Amino acid sequence: MLVARVDVAPDHIGVQLRAEGLQTLVEQLRTTDAKANAA
């Protein structure tokens, strides 16, 4: 896995990946997590 950038804040961690397929996977996981937290 190639990590382009990592951002750390008190309320979140952001990781930018270089591989397009991995970026899509992370976006899908974030969407799923956001929906679960909204319920």
C-alpha atoms as a PDB file:
ATOM      1  CA  MET A   1       0.000   0.000   0.000  1.00  0.00           C
ATOM      2  CA  LEU A   2       1.351   3.397  -0.942  1.00  0.00           C
ATOM      3  CA  VAL A   3       0.411   6.191   1.428  1.00  0.00           C
ATOM      4  CA  ALA A   4       0.577   9.660  -0.090  1.00  0.00           C
ATOM      5  CA  ARG A   5      -0.333  11.635   3.025  1.00  0.00           C
ATOM      6  CA  VAL A   6      -1.529  11.198   6.616  1.00  0.00           C
ATOM      7  CA  ASP A   7      -3.409  13.978   8.426  1.00  0.00           C
ATOM      8  CA  VAL A   8      -3.985  13.661  12.169  1.00  0.00           C
ATOM      9  CA  ALA A   9      -6.456  15.832  14.081  1.00  0.00           C
ATOM     10  CA  PRO A  10      -8.058  15.468  17.525  1.00  0.00           C
ATOM     11  CA  ASP A  11     -11.292  14.127  16.015  1.00  0.00           C
ATOM     12  CA  HIS A  12     -10.059  12.173  12.977  1.00  0.00           C
ATOM     13  CA  ILE A  13      -7.204  10.686  11.005  1.00  0.00           C
ATOM     14  CA  GLY A  14      -7.074  11.200   7.248  1.00  0.00           C
ATOM     15  CA  VAL A  15      -5.013   8.944   4.999  1.00  0.00           C
ATOM     16  CA  GLN A  16      -4.565   9.632   1.291  1.00  0.00           C
ATOM     17  CA  LEU A  17      -3.561   6.591  -0.734  1.00  0.00           C
ATOM     18  CA  ARG A  18      -1.848   6.556  -4.123  1.00  0.00           C
ATOM     19  CA  ALA A  19      -3.469   3.393  -5.489  1.00  0.00           C
ATOM     20  CA  GLU A  20      -6.847   4.163  -7.106  1.00  0.00           C
ATOM     21  CA  GLY A  21      -8.433   0.866  -6.067  1.00  0.00           C
ATOM     22  CA  LEU A  22      -7.485   1.397  -2.439  1.00  0.00           C
ATOM     23  CA  GLN A  23      -8.859   4.958  -2.499  1.00  0.00           C
ATOM     24  CA  THR A  24     -12.190   3.610  -3.720  1.00  0.00           C
ATOM     25  CA  LEU A  25     -12.223   1.003  -0.947  1.00  0.00           C
ATOM     26  CA  VAL A  26     -11.496   3.610   1.729  1.00  0.00           C
ATOM     27  CA  GLU A  27     -14.233   5.904   0.378  1.00  0.00           C
ATOM     28  CA  GLN A  28     -16.726   3.033   0.500  1.00  0.00           C
ATOM     29  CA  LEU A  29     -15.722   2.196   4.063  1.00  0.00           C
ATOM     30  CA  ARG A  30     -16.113   5.843   5.104  1.00  0.00           C
ATOM     31  CA  THR A  31     -19.586   5.971   3.529  1.00  0.00           C
ATOM     32  CA  THR A  32     -20.590   2.760   5.293  1.00  0.00           C
ATOM     33  CA  ASP A  33     -19.217   4.049   8.614  1.00  0.00           C
ATOM     34  CA  ALA A  34     -20.976   7.414   8.236  1.00  0.00           C
ATOM     35  CA  LYS A  35     -24.290   5.680   7.549  1.00  0.00           C
ATOM     36  CA  ALA A  36     -23.806   3.407  10.571  1.00  0.00           C
ATOM     37  CA  ASN A  37     -23.027   6.381  12.830  1.00  0.00           C
ATOM     38  CA  ALA A  38     -26.076   8.291  11.550  1.00  0.00           C
ATOM     39  CA  ALA A  39     -28.429   5.437  12.459  1.00  0.00           C
END
